[in-house]
PDB file of N, CA and C in Angstrom:
ATOM      1  N   MET A   1     -13.586  23.634 -19.861  1.00  0.00           N
ATOM      2  CA  MET A   1     -12.585  24.615 -20.210  1.00  0.00           C
ATOM      3  C   MET A   1     -11.334  24.449 -19.338  1.00  0.00           C
ATOM      4  N   ARG A   2     -11.560  24.192 -18.054  1.00  0.00           N
ATOM      5  CA  ARG A   2     -10.418  24.013 -17.159  1.00  0.00           C
ATOM      6  C   ARG A   2      -9.605  22.788 -17.542  1.00  0.00           C
ATOM      7  N   ARG A   3     -10.304  21.742 -17.969  1.00  0.00           N
ATOM      8  CA  ARG A   3      -9.612  20.508 -18.356  1.00  0.00           C
ATOM      9  C   ARG A   3      -8.731  20.750 -19.573  1.00  0.00           C
ATOM     10  N   ARG A   4      -9.213  21.513 -20.528  1.00  0.00           N
ATOM     11  CA  ARG A   4      -8.407  21.842 -21.710  1.00  0.00           C
ATOM     12  C   ARG A   4      -7.199  22.681 -21.331  1.00  0.00           C
ATOM     13  N   LEU A   5      -7.400  23.631 -20.441  1.00  0.00           N
ATOM     14  CA  LEU A   5      -6.303  24.480 -19.997  1.00  0.00           C
ATOM     15  C   LEU A   5      -5.257  23.657 -19.252  1.00  0.00           C
ATOM     16  N   LEU A   6      -5.701  22.745 -18.413  1.00  0.00           N
ATOM     17  CA  LEU A   6      -4.779  21.885 -17.682  1.00  0.00           C
ATOM     18  C   LEU A   6      -4.012  20.973 -18.643  1.00  0.00           C
ATOM     19  N   GLY A   7      -4.697  20.416 -19.632  1.00  0.00           N
ATOM     20  CA  GLY A   7      -4.040  19.582 -20.638  1.00  0.00           C
ATOM     21  C   GLY A   7      -3.017  20.362 -21.451  1.00  0.00           C
ATOM     22  N   PHE A   8      -3.371  21.582 -21.796  1.00  0.00           N
ATOM     23  CA  PHE A   8      -2.434  22.430 -22.536  1.00  0.00           C
ATOM     24  C   PHE A   8      -1.208  22.755 -21.695  1.00  0.00           C
ATOM     25  N   ALA A   9      -1.423  23.062 -20.417  1.00  0.00           N
ATOM     26  CA  ALA A   9      -0.299  23.369 -19.530  1.00  0.00           C
ATOM     27  C   ALA A   9       0.613  22.153 -19.370  1.00  0.00           C
ATOM     28  N   ALA A  10       0.033  20.967 -19.269  1.00  0.00           N
ATOM     29  CA  ALA A  10       0.838  19.743 -19.156  1.00  0.00           C
ATOM     30  C   ALA A  10       1.631  19.504 -20.432  1.00  0.00           C
ATOM     31  N   ALA A  11       1.017  19.740 -21.579  1.00  0.00           N
ATOM     32  CA  ALA A  11       1.713  19.553 -22.852  1.00  0.00           C
ATOM     33  C   ALA A  11       2.877  20.537 -22.986  1.00  0.00           C
ATOM     34  N   VAL A  12       2.678  21.768 -22.570  1.00  0.00           N
ATOM     35  CA  VAL A  12       3.747  22.763 -22.628  1.00  0.00           C
ATOM     36  C   VAL A  12       4.881  22.376 -21.679  1.00  0.00           C
ATOM     37  N   ALA A  13       4.543  21.883 -20.489  1.00  0.00           N
ATOM     38  CA  ALA A  13       5.570  21.481 -19.527  1.00  0.00           C
ATOM     39  C   ALA A  13       6.382  20.308 -20.068  1.00  0.00           C
ATOM     40  N   LEU A  14       5.722  19.308 -20.656  1.00  0.00           N
ATOM     41  CA  LEU A  14       6.438  18.175 -21.231  1.00  0.00           C
ATOM     42  C   LEU A  14       7.284  18.601 -22.428  1.00  0.00           C
ATOM     43  N   ALA A  15       6.797  19.531 -23.225  1.00  0.00           N
ATOM     44  CA  ALA A  15       7.581  20.025 -24.353  1.00  0.00           C
ATOM     45  C   ALA A  15       8.820  20.758 -23.857  1.00  0.00           C
ATOM     46  N   ALA A  16       8.672  21.536 -22.793  1.00  0.00           N
ATOM     47  CA  ALA A  16       9.828  22.232 -22.229  1.00  0.00           C
ATOM     48  C   ALA A  16      10.851  21.239 -21.705  1.00  0.00           C
ATOM     49  N   LEU A  17      10.378  20.172 -21.083  1.00  0.00           N
ATOM     50  CA  LEU A  17      11.298  19.131 -20.626  1.00  0.00           C
ATOM     51  C   LEU A  17      11.993  18.470 -21.814  1.00  0.00           C
ATOM     52  N   GLY A  18      11.271  18.276 -22.887  1.00  0.00           N
ATOM     53  CA  GLY A  18      11.846  17.650 -24.074  1.00  0.00           C
ATOM     54  C   GLY A  18      12.942  18.485 -24.709  1.00  0.00           C
ATOM     55  N   ILE A  19      12.798  19.780 -24.633  1.00  0.00           N
ATOM     56  CA  ILE A  19      13.814  20.676 -25.193  1.00  0.00           C
ATOM     57  C   ILE A  19      15.054  20.708 -24.300  1.00  0.00           C
ATOM     58  N   THR A  20      14.832  20.793 -22.992  1.00  0.00           N
ATOM     59  CA  THR A  20      15.967  20.921 -22.077  1.00  0.00           C
ATOM     60  C   THR A  20      16.598  19.583 -21.726  1.00  0.00           C
ATOM     61  N   CYS A  21      15.775  18.549 -21.652  1.00  0.00           N
ATOM     62  CA  CYS A  21      16.300  17.246 -21.236  1.00  0.00           C
ATOM     63  C   CYS A  21      15.458  16.143 -21.882  1.00  0.00           C
ATOM     64  N   PRO A  22      15.836  15.675 -23.069  1.00  0.00           N
ATOM     65  CA  PRO A  22      15.026  14.693 -23.777  1.00  0.00           C
ATOM     66  C   PRO A  22      14.796  13.399 -23.001  1.00  0.00           C
ATOM     67  N   VAL A  23      15.757  12.984 -22.204  1.00  0.00           N
ATOM     68  CA  VAL A  23      15.606  11.737 -21.446  1.00  0.00           C
ATOM     69  C   VAL A  23      14.535  11.895 -20.382  1.00  0.00           C
ATOM     70  N   ALA A  24      14.488  13.039 -19.712  1.00  0.00           N
ATOM     71  CA  ALA A  24      13.482  13.269 -18.672  1.00  0.00           C
ATOM     72  C   ALA A  24      12.081  13.307 -19.267  1.00  0.00           C
ATOM     73  N   ALA A  25      11.938  13.902 -20.430  1.00  0.00           N
ATOM     74  CA  ALA A  25      10.634  13.953 -21.069  1.00  0.00           C
ATOM     75  C   ALA A  25      10.181  12.574 -21.489  1.00  0.00           C
ATOM     76  N   GLN A  26      11.087  11.763 -21.997  1.00  0.00           N
ATOM     77  CA  GLN A  26      10.729  10.415 -22.401  1.00  0.00           C
ATOM     78  C   GLN A  26      10.358   9.583 -21.178  1.00  0.00           C
ATOM     79  N   ALA A  27      11.080   9.744 -20.089  1.00  0.00           N
ATOM     80  CA  ALA A  27      10.787   9.000 -18.868  1.00  0.00           C
ATOM     81  C   ALA A  27       9.438   9.410 -18.292  1.00  0.00           C
ATOM     82  N   ALA A  28       9.049  10.663 -18.467  1.00  0.00           N
ATOM     83  CA  ALA A  28       7.770  11.119 -17.957  1.00  0.00           C
ATOM     84  C   ALA A  28       6.613  10.583 -18.779  1.00  0.00           C
ATOM     85  N   VAL A  29       6.858  10.224 -20.023  1.00  0.00           N
ATOM     86  CA  VAL A  29       5.796   9.775 -20.901  1.00  0.00           C
ATOM     87  C   VAL A  29       5.683   8.257 -20.942  1.00  0.00           C
ATOM     88  N   THR A  30       6.794   7.545 -20.953  1.00  0.00           N
ATOM     89  CA  THR A  30       6.767   6.099 -21.093  1.00  0.00           C
ATOM     90  C   THR A  30       7.380   5.413 -19.884  1.00  0.00           C
ATOM     91  N   PRO A  31       6.834   4.275 -19.503  1.00  0.00           N
ATOM     92  CA  PRO A  31       7.436   3.536 -18.409  1.00  0.00           C
ATOM     93  C   PRO A  31       8.788   2.967 -18.814  1.00  0.00           C
ATOM     94  N   ALA A  32       9.737   2.946 -17.886  1.00  0.00           N
ATOM     95  CA  ALA A  32      11.091   2.523 -18.202  1.00  0.00           C
ATOM     96  C   ALA A  32      11.393   1.111 -17.720  1.00  0.00           C
ATOM     97  N   VAL A  33      10.410   0.426 -17.141  1.00  0.00           N
ATOM     98  CA  VAL A  33      10.653  -0.890 -16.567  1.00  0.00           C
ATOM     99  C   VAL A  33      10.136  -1.968 -17.519  1.00  0.00           C
ATOM    100  N   ASP A  34      11.004  -2.933 -17.799  1.00  0.00           N
ATOM    101  CA  ASP A  34      10.542  -4.097 -18.547  1.00  0.00           C
ATOM    102  C   ASP A  34      10.571  -5.299 -17.606  1.00  0.00           C
ATOM    103  N   ALA A  35      10.098  -6.431 -18.067  1.00  0.00           N
ATOM    104  CA  ALA A  35       9.977  -7.615 -17.217  1.00  0.00           C
ATOM    105  C   ALA A  35      11.335  -8.074 -16.700  1.00  0.00           C
ATOM    106  N   ARG A  36      12.345  -8.037 -17.537  1.00  0.00           N
ATOM    107  CA  ARG A  36      13.679  -8.479 -17.128  1.00  0.00           C
ATOM    108  C   ARG A  36      14.249  -7.575 -16.033  1.00  0.00           C
ATOM    109  N   THR A  37      14.067  -6.259 -16.175  1.00  0.00           N
ATOM    110  CA  THR A  37      14.557  -5.318 -15.164  1.00  0.00           C
ATOM    111  C   THR A  37      13.826  -5.531 -13.845  1.00  0.00           C
ATOM    112  N   CYS A  38      12.530  -5.747 -13.911  1.00  0.00           N
ATOM    113  CA  CYS A  38      11.733  -5.970 -12.711  1.00  0.00           C
ATOM    114  C   CYS A  38      12.228  -7.196 -11.944  1.00  0.00           C
ATOM    115  N   THR A  39      12.386  -8.318 -12.635  1.00  0.00           N
ATOM    116  CA  THR A  39      12.807  -9.542 -11.962  1.00  0.00           C
ATOM    117  C   THR A  39      14.264  -9.464 -11.505  1.00  0.00           C
ATOM    118  N   ALA A  40      15.099  -8.732 -12.222  1.00  0.00           N
ATOM    119  CA  ALA A  40      16.494  -8.579 -11.816  1.00  0.00           C
ATOM    120  C   ALA A  40      16.624  -7.782 -10.521  1.00  0.00           C
ATOM    121  N   HIS A  41      15.639  -6.948 -10.226  1.00  0.00           N
ATOM    122  CA  HIS A  41      15.658  -6.140  -9.005  1.00  0.00           C
ATOM    123  C   HIS A  41      14.703  -6.703  -7.957  1.00  0.00           C
ATOM    124  N   HIS A  42      14.575  -8.026  -7.921  1.00  0.00           N
ATOM    125  CA  HIS A  42      13.837  -8.765  -6.890  1.00  0.00           C
ATOM    126  C   HIS A  42      12.338  -8.519  -6.910  1.00  0.00           C
ATOM    127  N   GLY A  43      11.772  -8.282  -8.074  1.00  0.00           N
ATOM    128  CA  GLY A  43      10.332  -8.120  -8.210  1.00  0.00           C
ATOM    129  C   GLY A  43       9.753  -9.250  -9.035  1.00  0.00           C
ATOM    130  N   SER A  44       8.448  -9.275  -9.132  1.00  0.00           N
ATOM    131  CA  SER A  44       7.786 -10.251  -9.990  1.00  0.00           C
ATOM    132  C   SER A  44       6.783  -9.514 -10.876  1.00  0.00           C
ATOM    133  N   VAL A  45       6.560 -10.041 -12.054  1.00  0.00           N
ATOM    134  CA  VAL A  45       5.652  -9.427 -13.010  1.00  0.00           C
ATOM    135  C   VAL A  45       4.290 -10.099 -12.873  1.00  0.00           C
ATOM    136  N   GLU A  46       3.276  -9.291 -12.613  1.00  0.00           N
ATOM    137  CA  GLU A  46       1.930  -9.821 -12.435  1.00  0.00           C
ATOM    138  C   GLU A  46       0.943  -9.018 -13.272  1.00  0.00           C
ATOM    139  N   TYR A  47      -0.101  -9.718 -13.736  1.00  0.00           N
ATOM    140  CA  TYR A  47      -1.151  -9.078 -14.538  1.00  0.00           C
ATOM    141  C   TYR A  47      -2.248  -8.586 -13.614  1.00  0.00           C
ATOM    142  N   ASP A  48      -2.618  -7.328 -13.745  1.00  0.00           N
ATOM    143  CA  ASP A  48      -3.705  -6.748 -12.963  1.00  0.00           C
ATOM    144  C   ASP A  48      -4.946  -6.709 -13.843  1.00  0.00           C
ATOM    145  N   SER A  49      -5.886  -7.616 -13.579  1.00  0.00           N
ATOM    146  CA  SER A  49      -7.069  -7.708 -14.440  1.00  0.00           C
ATOM    147  C   SER A  49      -7.983  -6.500 -14.301  1.00  0.00           C
ATOM    148  N   ALA A  50      -7.894  -5.770 -13.208  1.00  0.00           N
ATOM    149  CA  ALA A  50      -8.720  -4.582 -13.020  1.00  0.00           C
ATOM    150  C   ALA A  50      -8.304  -3.470 -13.980  1.00  0.00           C
ATOM    151  N   THR A  51      -6.994  -3.329 -14.202  1.00  0.00           N
ATOM    152  CA  THR A  51      -6.504  -2.276 -15.088  1.00  0.00           C
ATOM    153  C   THR A  51      -6.142  -2.789 -16.472  1.00  0.00           C
ATOM    154  N   GLY A  52      -5.915  -4.110 -16.591  1.00  0.00           N
ATOM    155  CA  GLY A  52      -5.516  -4.682 -17.869  1.00  0.00           C
ATOM    156  C   GLY A  52      -4.053  -4.467 -18.183  1.00  0.00           C
ATOM    157  N   LEU A  53      -3.247  -4.181 -17.149  1.00  0.00           N
ATOM    158  CA  LEU A  53      -1.831  -3.902 -17.349  1.00  0.00           C
ATOM    159  C   LEU A  53      -0.971  -4.905 -16.592  1.00  0.00           C
ATOM    160  N   TRP A  54       0.231  -5.129 -17.105  1.00  0.00           N
ATOM    161  CA  TRP A  54       1.236  -5.904 -16.392  1.00  0.00           C
ATOM    162  C   TRP A  54       1.956  -4.954 -15.466  1.00  0.00           C
ATOM    163  N   THR A  55       2.213  -5.379 -14.228  1.00  0.00           N
ATOM    164  CA  THR A  55       2.798  -4.522 -13.216  1.00  0.00           C
ATOM    165  C   THR A  55       3.923  -5.247 -12.493  1.00  0.00           C
ATOM    166  N   CYS A  56       4.940  -4.516 -12.110  1.00  0.00           N
ATOM    167  CA  CYS A  56       6.032  -5.057 -11.304  1.00  0.00           C
ATOM    168  C   CYS A  56       5.605  -5.006  -9.838  1.00  0.00           C
ATOM    169  N   ILE A  57       5.645  -6.155  -9.177  1.00  0.00           N
ATOM    170  CA  ILE A  57       5.249  -6.244  -7.778  1.00  0.00           C
ATOM    171  C   ILE A  57       6.471  -6.599  -6.947  1.00  0.00           C
ATOM    172  N   GLY A  58       6.769  -5.777  -5.950  1.00  0.00           N
ATOM    173  CA  GLY A  58       7.910  -6.007  -5.073  1.00  0.00           C
ATOM    174  C   GLY A  58       9.196  -5.482  -5.682  1.00  0.00           C
ATOM    175  N   GLY A  59      10.247  -5.505  -4.896  1.00  0.00           N
ATOM    176  CA  GLY A  59      11.548  -5.064  -5.387  1.00  0.00           C
ATOM    177  C   GLY A  59      11.642  -3.559  -5.554  1.00  0.00           C
ATOM    178  N   THR A  60      12.624  -3.141  -6.303  1.00  0.00           N
ATOM    179  CA  THR A  60      12.916  -1.726  -6.501  1.00  0.00           C
ATOM    180  C   THR A  60      11.805  -1.000  -7.262  1.00  0.00           C
ATOM    181  N   TYR A  61      11.192  -1.666  -8.226  1.00  0.00           N
ATOM    182  CA  TYR A  61      10.201  -1.024  -9.100  1.00  0.00           C
ATOM    183  C   TYR A  61       8.775  -1.404  -8.728  1.00  0.00           C
ATOM    184  N   ASP A  62       8.480  -1.576  -7.470  1.00  0.00           N
ATOM    185  CA  ASP A  62       7.164  -1.982  -6.999  1.00  0.00           C
ATOM    186  C   ASP A  62       6.081  -1.014  -7.480  1.00  0.00           C
ATOM    187  N   GLY A  63       5.079  -1.562  -8.145  1.00  0.00           N
ATOM    188  CA  GLY A  63       3.949  -0.765  -8.611  1.00  0.00           C
ATOM    189  C   GLY A  63       4.138  -0.118  -9.959  1.00  0.00           C
ATOM    190  N   GLU A  64       5.298  -0.261 -10.574  1.00  0.00           N
ATOM    191  CA  GLU A  64       5.563   0.349 -11.887  1.00  0.00           C
ATOM    192  C   GLU A  64       4.939  -0.503 -12.997  1.00  0.00           C
ATOM    193  N   PRO A  65       4.341   0.153 -13.993  1.00  0.00           N
ATOM    194  CA  PRO A  65       3.823  -0.610 -15.146  1.00  0.00           C
ATOM    195  C   PRO A  65       4.953  -1.171 -15.991  1.00  0.00           C
ATOM    196  N   ILE A  66       4.705  -2.314 -16.584  1.00  0.00           N
ATOM    197  CA  ILE A  66       5.696  -2.983 -17.419  1.00  0.00           C
ATOM    198  C   ILE A  66       5.526  -2.535 -18.864  1.00  0.00           C
ATOM    199  N   SER A  67       6.625  -2.181 -19.512  1.00  0.00           N
ATOM    200  CA  SER A  67       6.562  -1.748 -20.913  1.00  0.00           C
ATOM    201  C   SER A  67       6.753  -2.930 -21.824  1.00  0.00           C
TER     202      SER A  67
END
């Protein structure tokens, strides 16, 4: 029950962000870093086999998932 309540509260918070600031809501939902942006800011794109995701390593976007 607590998990459902927490999920509902998160959905309401994201919806409120979407109404007041659509860019902030989109940034909270989707990663904004692509491979070109990562490498342009002195990072490298590496595959993390533990998570199955591509990740930016180093630079400005260190640890950010790649979209």
